[in-house]
């Protein structure tokens, strides 16, 4: 896990929807899904 993932997770509200627009391999989205219970959409 990259160090900035926790910083990003603190900015994103729990249970929100996040749009992933070509952001690497999806590990950040999986992290947010587990930590913040976010739903995400891939483009």
Protein backbone atom coordinates (compact mmCIF):
# COMPACT_ATOMS: atom_id res chain seq x y z
CA UNK A 1 0.00 0.00 0.00
CA UNK A 2 1.26 3.43 -0.89
CA UNK A 3 1.71 5.94 1.94
CA UNK A 4 -0.66 8.48 0.40
CA UNK A 5 -3.63 6.08 0.44
CA UNK A 6 -4.45 6.90 4.08
CA UNK A 7 -4.25 10.62 3.34
CA UNK A 8 -6.65 10.21 0.40
CA UNK A 9 -8.98 8.02 2.48
CA UNK A 10 -9.20 10.77 5.10
CA UNK A 11 -10.40 13.21 2.44
CA UNK A 12 -13.06 10.88 0.99
CA UNK A 13 -16.27 10.63 3.02
CA UNK A 14 -17.50 7.19 4.02
CA UNK A 15 -20.16 5.61 1.79
CA UNK A 16 -19.46 7.97 -1.11
CA UNK A 17 -19.08 7.14 -4.78
CA UNK A 18 -15.66 7.63 -6.37
CA UNK A 19 -14.98 7.80 -10.11
CA UNK A 20 -11.78 6.03 -11.17
CA UNK A 21 -10.51 7.51 -14.43
CA UNK A 22 -7.47 5.49 -15.42
CA UNK A 23 -5.82 5.69 -12.00
CA UNK A 24 -3.19 2.95 -12.08
CA UNK A 25 -4.21 -0.64 -11.33
CA UNK A 26 -7.22 -0.13 -9.04
CA UNK A 27 -5.49 -0.77 -5.72
CA UNK A 28 -6.47 2.66 -4.39
CA UNK A 29 -10.11 1.98 -5.23
CA UNK A 30 -9.98 -1.38 -3.46
CA UNK A 31 -8.41 0.31 -0.44
CA UNK A 32 -11.17 2.96 -0.37
CA UNK A 33 -13.81 0.28 -0.77
CA UNK A 34 -12.54 -1.53 2.32
CA UNK A 35 -11.58 1.45 4.51
CA UNK A 36 -14.30 3.99 3.64
CA UNK A 37 -16.95 1.60 2.30
CA UNK A 38 -16.96 3.55 -0.96
CA UNK A 39 -18.58 2.46 -4.15
CA UNK A 40 -16.56 3.15 -7.24
CA UNK A 41 -17.15 3.46 -10.95
CA UNK A 42 -14.44 2.68 -13.46
CA UNK A 43 -14.12 4.55 -16.69
